[in-house]
């Protein structure tokens, strides 16, 4: 009948798995930072617009962000008028958390990232099958 030859080629590069892991970790840091900044930004807008604090979503948002605002709560005053509050501490927290998130991402990148090397290992496997032997 016919001869059948199968050739499989695989390439592997030194440090490729570590680069992927480093990329995923840095992306998770940016994701967490983005969610935190969005939550703090919404809180700032809600307080500025005097949103009803009895609303379930506002209550949830204030409860979650209170944890992250605790270190900044008494740092600066919060001027208010007619129920509207300008939470300066929230703005300060957003700036500090952005800087901490950026620094953490850079530290992970510098420590764990491995640059691409010039050497690529190529492995080739050949299999020959003679269908006439059956």
C-alpha atoms as a PDB file:
ATOM      1  CA  UNK A   1       0.000   0.000   0.000  1.00  0.00           C
ATOM      2  CA  UNK A   2       1.496   3.317   1.043  1.00  0.00           C
ATOM      3  CA  UNK A   3       4.104   4.386   3.490  1.00  0.00           C
ATOM      4  CA  UNK A   4       3.073   6.932   6.049  1.00  0.00           C
ATOM      5  CA  UNK A   5       5.514   9.294   7.728  1.00  0.00           C
ATOM      6  CA  UNK A   6       4.504  11.608  10.532  1.00  0.00           C
ATOM      7  CA  UNK A   7       6.799  14.400  11.677  1.00  0.00           C
ATOM      8  CA  UNK A   8       6.112  16.413  14.833  1.00  0.00           C
ATOM      9  CA  UNK A   9       8.114  19.508  15.609  1.00  0.00           C
ATOM     10  CA  UNK A  10       8.005  21.270  18.960  1.00  0.00           C
ATOM     11  CA  UNK A  11       9.753  24.464  19.909  1.00  0.00           C
ATOM     12  CA  UNK A  12      10.539  25.564  23.415  1.00  0.00           C
ATOM     13  CA  UNK A  13      12.184  28.737  24.537  1.00  0.00           C
ATOM     14  CA  UNK A  14      13.992  29.198  27.824  1.00  0.00           C
ATOM     15  CA  UNK A  15      11.952  31.266  30.286  1.00  0.00           C
ATOM     16  CA  UNK A  16       8.747  31.226  28.248  1.00  0.00           C
ATOM     17  CA  UNK A  17       6.610  29.797  31.058  1.00  0.00           C
ATOM     18  CA  UNK A  18       8.015  32.289  33.551  1.00  0.00           C
ATOM     19  CA  UNK A  19       7.238  35.177  31.183  1.00  0.00           C
ATOM     20  CA  UNK A  20       3.647  33.983  30.826  1.00  0.00           C
ATOM     21  CA  UNK A  21       3.267  33.628  34.605  1.00  0.00           C
ATOM     22  CA  UNK A  22       4.733  37.097  35.167  1.00  0.00           C
ATOM     23  CA  UNK A  23       2.372  38.556  32.579  1.00  0.00           C
ATOM     24  CA  UNK A  24      -0.650  36.936  34.242  1.00  0.00           C
ATOM     25  CA  UNK A  25       0.358  38.173  37.707  1.00  0.00           C
ATOM     26  CA  UNK A  26       0.855  41.734  36.476  1.00  0.00           C
ATOM     27  CA  UNK A  27      -2.496  41.622  34.692  1.00  0.00           C
ATOM     28  CA  UNK A  28      -4.190  40.489  37.921  1.00  0.00           C
ATOM     29  CA  UNK A  29      -2.556  43.390  39.769  1.00  0.00           C
ATOM     30  CA  UNK A  30      -3.904  45.843  37.160  1.00  0.00           C
ATOM     31  CA  UNK A  31      -7.346  44.215  37.310  1.00  0.00           C
ATOM     32  CA  UNK A  32      -7.541  44.519  41.100  1.00  0.00           C
ATOM     33  CA  UNK A  33      -6.259  48.093  40.951  1.00  0.00           C
ATOM     34  CA  UNK A  34      -8.820  48.986  38.270  1.00  0.00           C
ATOM     35  CA  UNK A  35     -11.680  47.551  40.308  1.00  0.00           C
ATOM     36  CA  UNK A  36     -10.502  49.370  43.426  1.00  0.00           C
ATOM     37  CA  UNK A  37     -10.113  52.675  41.587  1.00  0.00           C
ATOM     38  CA  UNK A  38     -13.551  52.280  39.986  1.00  0.00           C
ATOM     39  CA  UNK A  39     -15.149  51.586  43.355  1.00  0.00           C
ATOM     40  CA  UNK A  40     -13.446  54.556  44.980  1.00  0.00           C
ATOM     41  CA  UNK A  41     -14.355  56.768  42.016  1.00  0.00           C
ATOM     42  CA  UNK A  42     -18.015  55.756  42.259  1.00  0.00           C
ATOM     43  CA  UNK A  43     -17.957  56.433  45.979  1.00  0.00           C
ATOM     44  CA  UNK A  44     -16.509  59.902  45.358  1.00  0.00           C
ATOM     45  CA  UNK A  45     -19.218  60.681  42.792  1.00  0.00           C
ATOM     46  CA  UNK A  46     -21.989  59.242  44.987  1.00  0.00           C
ATOM     47  CA  UNK A  47     -20.910  61.366  47.951  1.00  0.00           C
ATOM     48  CA  UNK A  48     -20.550  64.434  45.737  1.00  0.00           C
ATOM     49  CA  UNK A  49     -24.053  63.949  44.297  1.00  0.00           C
ATOM     50  CA  UNK A  50     -25.565  63.174  47.723  1.00  0.00           C
ATOM     51  CA  UNK A  51     -26.848  59.754  46.669  1.00  0.00           C
ATOM     52  CA  UNK A  52     -29.302  58.198  49.122  1.00  0.00           C
ATOM     53  CA  UNK A  53     -27.107  56.149  51.525  1.00  0.00           C
ATOM     54  CA  UNK A  54     -30.057  53.838  52.264  1.00  0.00           C
ATOM     55  CA  UNK A  55     -30.010  52.556  48.681  1.00  0.00           C
ATOM     56  CA  UNK A  56     -28.780  48.917  48.669  1.00  0.00           C
ATOM     57  CA  UNK A  57     -26.138  49.519  46.001  1.00  0.00           C
ATOM     58  CA  UNK A  58     -24.834  52.636  47.736  1.00  0.00           C
ATOM     59  CA  UNK A  59     -24.758  50.773  51.061  1.00  0.00           C
ATOM     60  CA  UNK A  60     -22.801  47.927  49.459  1.00  0.00           C
ATOM     61  CA  UNK A  61     -20.374  50.315  47.761  1.00  0.00           C
ATOM     62  CA  UNK A  62     -19.778  52.323  50.941  1.00  0.00           C
ATOM     63  CA  UNK A  63     -19.277  49.124  52.943  1.00  0.00           C
ATOM     64  CA  UNK A  64     -16.674  47.723  50.545  1.00  0.00           C
ATOM     65  CA  UNK A  65     -14.777  50.980  50.080  1.00  0.00           C
ATOM     66  CA  UNK A  66     -14.779  51.853  53.796  1.00  0.00           C
ATOM     67  CA  UNK A  67     -12.210  49.106  54.297  1.00  0.00           C
ATOM     68  CA  UNK A  68      -9.834  50.739  51.823  1.00  0.00           C
ATOM     69  CA  UNK A  69     -10.507  54.286  53.038  1.00  0.00           C
ATOM     70  CA  UNK A  70      -9.849  53.550  56.715  1.00  0.00           C
ATOM     71  CA  UNK A  71      -6.169  54.615  56.606  1.00  0.00           C
ATOM     72  CA  UNK A  72      -7.121  57.913  54.946  1.00  0.00           C
ATOM     73  CA  UNK A  73     -10.333  58.746  56.834  1.00  0.00           C
ATOM     74  CA  UNK A  74      -8.938  61.436  59.141  1.00  0.00           C
ATOM     75  CA  UNK A  75      -6.174  62.625  56.830  1.00  0.00           C
ATOM     76  CA  UNK A  76      -8.071  65.544  55.314  1.00  0.00           C
ATOM     77  CA  UNK A  77     -11.322  67.363  55.935  1.00  0.00           C
ATOM     78  CA  UNK A  78     -14.443  66.772  53.880  1.00  0.00           C
ATOM     79  CA  UNK A  79     -16.316  69.988  53.080  1.00  0.00           C
ATOM     80  CA  UNK A  80     -20.048  69.507  52.677  1.00  0.00           C
ATOM     81  CA  UNK A  81     -23.134  71.494  51.701  1.00  0.00           C
ATOM     82  CA  UNK A  82     -26.767  70.341  51.493  1.00  0.00           C
ATOM     83  CA  UNK A  83     -25.825  66.671  51.899  1.00  0.00           C
ATOM     84  CA  UNK A  84     -23.161  66.801  49.195  1.00  0.00           C
ATOM     85  CA  UNK A  85     -19.718  65.848  50.476  1.00  0.00           C
ATOM     86  CA  UNK A  86     -16.367  66.461  48.821  1.00  0.00           C
ATOM     87  CA  UNK A  87     -14.363  63.523  50.176  1.00  0.00           C
ATOM     88  CA  UNK A  88     -10.792  64.656  49.733  1.00  0.00           C
ATOM     89  CA  UNK A  89      -9.633  61.527  51.556  1.00  0.00           C
ATOM     90  CA  UNK A  90     -11.099  59.402  48.748  1.00  0.00           C
ATOM     91  CA  UNK A  91      -9.109  61.313  46.145  1.00  0.00           C
ATOM     92  CA  UNK A  92      -5.948  60.915  48.206  1.00  0.00           C
ATOM     93  CA  UNK A  93      -6.629  57.189  48.601  1.00  0.00           C
ATOM     94  CA  UNK A  94      -7.086  56.827  44.844  1.00  0.00           C
ATOM     95  CA  UNK A  95      -3.728  58.498  44.205  1.00  0.00           C
ATOM     96  CA  UNK A  96      -1.901  56.443  46.834  1.00  0.00           C
ATOM     97  CA  UNK A  97      -3.428  53.136  45.704  1.00  0.00           C
ATOM     98  CA  UNK A  98      -2.577  53.909  42.076  1.00  0.00           C
ATOM     99  CA  UNK A  99       1.042  54.532  43.033  1.00  0.00           C
ATOM    100  CA  UNK A 100       1.212  51.410  45.223  1.00  0.00           C
ATOM    101  CA  UNK A 101      -0.359  49.280  42.468  1.00  0.00           C
ATOM    102  CA  UNK A 102       2.052  50.618  39.867  1.00  0.00           C
ATOM    103  CA  UNK A 103       5.045  50.022  42.175  1.00  0.00           C
ATOM    104  CA  UNK A 104       3.882  46.486  42.983  1.00  0.00           C
ATOM    105  CA  UNK A 105       3.449  45.670  39.293  1.00  0.00           C
ATOM    106  CA  UNK A 106       6.924  47.002  38.499  1.00  0.00           C
ATOM    107  CA  UNK A 107       8.488  45.022  41.366  1.00  0.00           C
ATOM    108  CA  UNK A 108       6.878  41.780  40.166  1.00  0.00           C
ATOM    109  CA  UNK A 109       8.013  42.519  36.608  1.00  0.00           C
ATOM    110  CA  UNK A 110      11.602  43.337  37.570  1.00  0.00           C
ATOM    111  CA  UNK A 111      12.016  40.345  39.886  1.00  0.00           C
ATOM    112  CA  UNK A 112      10.304  37.617  37.895  1.00  0.00           C
ATOM    113  CA  UNK A 113      10.437  38.573  34.201  1.00  0.00           C
ATOM    114  CA  UNK A 114      13.051  36.814  32.092  1.00  0.00           C
ATOM    115  CA  UNK A 115      13.881  38.397  28.742  1.00  0.00           C
ATOM    116  CA  UNK A 116      13.727  36.364  25.592  1.00  0.00           C
ATOM    117  CA  UNK A 117      16.858  34.413  24.896  1.00  0.00           C
ATOM    118  CA  UNK A 118      18.375  33.782  21.496  1.00  0.00           C
ATOM    119  CA  UNK A 119      18.331  30.003  21.928  1.00  0.00           C
ATOM    120  CA  UNK A 120      15.256  28.094  20.861  1.00  0.00           C
ATOM    121  CA  UNK A 121      15.205  24.336  21.335  1.00  0.00           C
ATOM    122  CA  UNK A 122      13.621  22.478  18.437  1.00  0.00           C
ATOM    123  CA  UNK A 123      12.673  18.843  18.842  1.00  0.00           C
ATOM    124  CA  UNK A 124      11.611  16.804  15.833  1.00  0.00           C
ATOM    125  CA  UNK A 125      10.059  13.360  16.139  1.00  0.00           C
ATOM    126  CA  UNK A 126       9.520  11.157  13.092  1.00  0.00           C
ATOM    127  CA  UNK A 127       7.338   8.091  12.887  1.00  0.00           C
ATOM    128  CA  UNK A 128       7.242   5.881   9.825  1.00  0.00           C
ATOM    129  CA  UNK A 129       4.456   3.399   9.291  1.00  0.00           C
ATOM    130  CA  UNK A 130       4.432   0.788   6.549  1.00  0.00           C
ATOM    131  CA  UNK A 131       0.813  -0.081   5.897  1.00  0.00           C
ATOM    132  CA  UNK A 132       1.784  -3.057   3.646  1.00  0.00           C
ATOM    133  CA  UNK A 133       3.026  -5.056   6.650  1.00  0.00           C
ATOM    134  CA  UNK A 134      -0.476  -5.798   7.903  1.00  0.00           C
END
